Protein backbone atom coordinates (compact mmCIF):
# COMPACT_ATOMS: atom_id res chain seq x y z
CA UNK A 1 0.00 0.00 0.00
CA UNK A 2 1.33 3.42 -0.97
CA UNK A 3 0.15 6.57 0.79
CA UNK A 4 1.13 10.10 1.66
CA UNK A 5 1.21 11.35 5.22
CA UNK A 6 0.67 15.09 5.63
CA UNK A 7 2.21 16.30 8.88
CA UNK A 8 1.59 19.40 10.94
CA UNK A 9 4.65 19.97 13.11
CA UNK A 10 5.14 21.88 16.34
CA UNK A 11 6.45 25.37 15.55
CA UNK A 12 9.41 24.74 17.84
CA UNK A 13 10.34 21.52 16.01
CA UNK A 14 13.36 21.50 13.73
CA UNK A 15 11.81 20.68 10.35
CA UNK A 16 15.10 19.47 8.90
CA UNK A 17 15.71 17.22 11.88
CA UNK A 18 12.17 15.87 11.62
CA UNK A 19 12.59 14.96 7.95
CA UNK A 20 15.88 13.23 8.80
CA UNK A 21 14.17 11.18 11.52
CA UNK A 22 11.33 10.29 9.17
CA UNK A 23 13.75 9.18 6.48
CA UNK A 24 15.27 6.61 8.84
CA UNK A 25 11.96 4.80 9.40
CA UNK A 26 11.67 1.64 7.28
CA UNK A 27 8.83 2.06 4.81
CA UNK A 28 9.32 5.81 4.38
CA UNK A 29 10.30 6.49 0.78
CA UNK A 30 10.62 10.25 1.05
CA UNK A 31 10.05 13.14 3.43
CA UNK A 32 9.99 16.75 2.26
CA UNK A 33 9.37 20.05 4.01
CA UNK A 34 6.62 22.11 2.42
CA UNK A 35 4.83 25.43 2.93
CA UNK A 36 1.15 25.78 3.68
CA UNK A 37 -1.16 24.13 6.19
CA UNK A 38 1.20 21.13 6.44
CA UNK A 39 4.90 21.24 7.23
CA UNK A 40 6.12 17.88 5.96
CA UNK A 41 4.84 15.43 3.34
CA UNK A 42 5.94 11.83 3.69
CA UNK A 43 5.59 9.10 1.07
CA UNK A 44 5.21 5.66 2.63
CA UNK A 45 4.93 2.12 1.28
CA UNK A 46 3.90 -0.76 3.50
CA UNK A 47 1.96 -3.98 3.46
CA UNK A 48 -1.63 -3.42 4.63
CA UNK A 49 -0.96 -5.38 7.85
CA UNK A 50 2.04 -3.18 8.77
CA UNK A 51 0.60 0.13 7.64
CA UNK A 52 -0.91 1.20 10.97
CA UNK A 53 2.37 0.41 12.76
CA UNK A 54 4.28 2.56 10.26
CA UNK A 55 1.90 5.48 10.71
CA UNK A 56 2.13 5.00 14.49
CA UNK A 57 5.92 5.30 14.36
CA UNK A 58 5.60 8.52 12.35
CA UNK A 59 3.07 10.14 14.68
CA UNK A 60 5.09 9.15 17.76
CA UNK A 61 8.06 11.33 16.73
CA UNK A 62 8.71 14.46 18.77
CA UNK A 63 7.41 17.51 16.95
CA UNK A 64 4.57 15.79 15.09
CA UNK A 65 1.28 17.36 16.15
CA UNK A 66 -1.12 15.89 13.60
CA UNK A 67 -0.92 13.57 10.64
CA UNK A 68 -3.40 13.06 7.83
CA UNK A 69 -3.01 9.87 5.80
CA UNK A 70 -4.01 9.98 2.15
CA UNK A 71 -3.87 6.65 0.27
C-alpha atoms as a PDB file:
ATOM      1  CA  UNK A   1       0.000   0.000   0.000  1.00  0.00           C
ATOM      2  CA  UNK A   2       1.328   3.420  -0.970  1.00  0.00           C
ATOM      3  CA  UNK A   3       0.150   6.571   0.786  1.00  0.00           C
ATOM      4  CA  UNK A   4       1.127  10.102   1.659  1.00  0.00           C
ATOM      5  CA  UNK A   5       1.208  11.346   5.223  1.00  0.00           C
ATOM      6  CA  UNK A   6       0.670  15.087   5.626  1.00  0.00           C
ATOM      7  CA  UNK A   7       2.206  16.299   8.879  1.00  0.00           C
ATOM      8  CA  UNK A   8       1.591  19.400  10.937  1.00  0.00           C
ATOM      9  CA  UNK A   9       4.647  19.971  13.111  1.00  0.00           C
ATOM     10  CA  UNK A  10       5.141  21.881  16.340  1.00  0.00           C
ATOM     11  CA  UNK A  11       6.449  25.366  15.549  1.00  0.00           C
ATOM     12  CA  UNK A  12       9.409  24.740  17.841  1.00  0.00           C
ATOM     13  CA  UNK A  13      10.341  21.517  16.011  1.00  0.00           C
ATOM     14  CA  UNK A  14      13.361  21.501  13.733  1.00  0.00           C
ATOM     15  CA  UNK A  15      11.808  20.682  10.345  1.00  0.00           C
ATOM     16  CA  UNK A  16      15.098  19.472   8.900  1.00  0.00           C
ATOM     17  CA  UNK A  17      15.706  17.216  11.876  1.00  0.00           C
ATOM     18  CA  UNK A  18      12.173  15.868  11.616  1.00  0.00           C
ATOM     19  CA  UNK A  19      12.588  14.960   7.946  1.00  0.00           C
ATOM     20  CA  UNK A  20      15.879  13.232   8.797  1.00  0.00           C
ATOM     21  CA  UNK A  21      14.172  11.176  11.519  1.00  0.00           C
ATOM     22  CA  UNK A  22      11.328  10.291   9.173  1.00  0.00           C
ATOM     23  CA  UNK A  23      13.754   9.184   6.477  1.00  0.00           C
ATOM     24  CA  UNK A  24      15.273   6.608   8.843  1.00  0.00           C
ATOM     25  CA  UNK A  25      11.958   4.802   9.404  1.00  0.00           C
ATOM     26  CA  UNK A  26      11.672   1.641   7.278  1.00  0.00           C
ATOM     27  CA  UNK A  27       8.830   2.061   4.806  1.00  0.00           C
ATOM     28  CA  UNK A  28       9.325   5.810   4.382  1.00  0.00           C
ATOM     29  CA  UNK A  29      10.303   6.494   0.777  1.00  0.00           C
ATOM     30  CA  UNK A  30      10.621  10.247   1.050  1.00  0.00           C
ATOM     31  CA  UNK A  31      10.053  13.143   3.431  1.00  0.00           C
ATOM     32  CA  UNK A  32       9.988  16.752   2.261  1.00  0.00           C
ATOM     33  CA  UNK A  33       9.374  20.049   4.014  1.00  0.00           C
ATOM     34  CA  UNK A  34       6.618  22.113   2.419  1.00  0.00           C
ATOM     35  CA  UNK A  35       4.830  25.433   2.928  1.00  0.00           C
ATOM     36  CA  UNK A  36       1.152  25.784   3.680  1.00  0.00           C
ATOM     37  CA  UNK A  37      -1.159  24.126   6.193  1.00  0.00           C
ATOM     38  CA  UNK A  38       1.198  21.132   6.441  1.00  0.00           C
ATOM     39  CA  UNK A  39       4.897  21.241   7.232  1.00  0.00           C
ATOM     40  CA  UNK A  40       6.123  17.880   5.956  1.00  0.00           C
ATOM     41  CA  UNK A  41       4.837  15.433   3.341  1.00  0.00           C
ATOM     42  CA  UNK A  42       5.944  11.826   3.689  1.00  0.00           C
ATOM     43  CA  UNK A  43       5.593   9.096   1.073  1.00  0.00           C
ATOM     44  CA  UNK A  44       5.211   5.656   2.629  1.00  0.00           C
ATOM     45  CA  UNK A  45       4.933   2.123   1.281  1.00  0.00           C
ATOM     46  CA  UNK A  46       3.904  -0.763   3.504  1.00  0.00           C
ATOM     47  CA  UNK A  47       1.960  -3.984   3.455  1.00  0.00           C
ATOM     48  CA  UNK A  48      -1.626  -3.421   4.626  1.00  0.00           C
ATOM     49  CA  UNK A  49      -0.962  -5.378   7.851  1.00  0.00           C
ATOM     50  CA  UNK A  50       2.038  -3.183   8.766  1.00  0.00           C
ATOM     51  CA  UNK A  51       0.600   0.126   7.643  1.00  0.00           C
ATOM     52  CA  UNK A  52      -0.912   1.198  10.972  1.00  0.00           C
ATOM     53  CA  UNK A  53       2.373   0.409  12.761  1.00  0.00           C
ATOM     54  CA  UNK A  54       4.283   2.558  10.257  1.00  0.00           C
ATOM     55  CA  UNK A  55       1.903   5.483  10.710  1.00  0.00           C
ATOM     56  CA  UNK A  56       2.125   5.003  14.485  1.00  0.00           C
ATOM     57  CA  UNK A  57       5.919   5.303  14.355  1.00  0.00           C
ATOM     58  CA  UNK A  58       5.599   8.519  12.352  1.00  0.00           C
ATOM     59  CA  UNK A  59       3.070  10.136  14.680  1.00  0.00           C
ATOM     60  CA  UNK A  60       5.094   9.155  17.761  1.00  0.00           C
ATOM     61  CA  UNK A  61       8.056  11.329  16.734  1.00  0.00           C
ATOM     62  CA  UNK A  62       8.713  14.463  18.770  1.00  0.00           C
ATOM     63  CA  UNK A  63       7.409  17.508  16.955  1.00  0.00           C
ATOM     64  CA  UNK A  64       4.566  15.786  15.086  1.00  0.00           C
ATOM     65  CA  UNK A  65       1.278  17.364  16.153  1.00  0.00           C
ATOM     66  CA  UNK A  66      -1.122  15.893  13.598  1.00  0.00           C
ATOM     67  CA  UNK A  67      -0.920  13.570  10.641  1.00  0.00           C
ATOM     68  CA  UNK A  68      -3.395  13.061   7.830  1.00  0.00           C
ATOM     69  CA  UNK A  69      -3.009   9.874   5.802  1.00  0.00           C
ATOM     70  CA  UNK A  70      -4.015   9.979   2.147  1.00  0.00           C
ATOM     71  CA  UNK A  71      -3.873   6.650   0.271  1.00  0.00           C
END
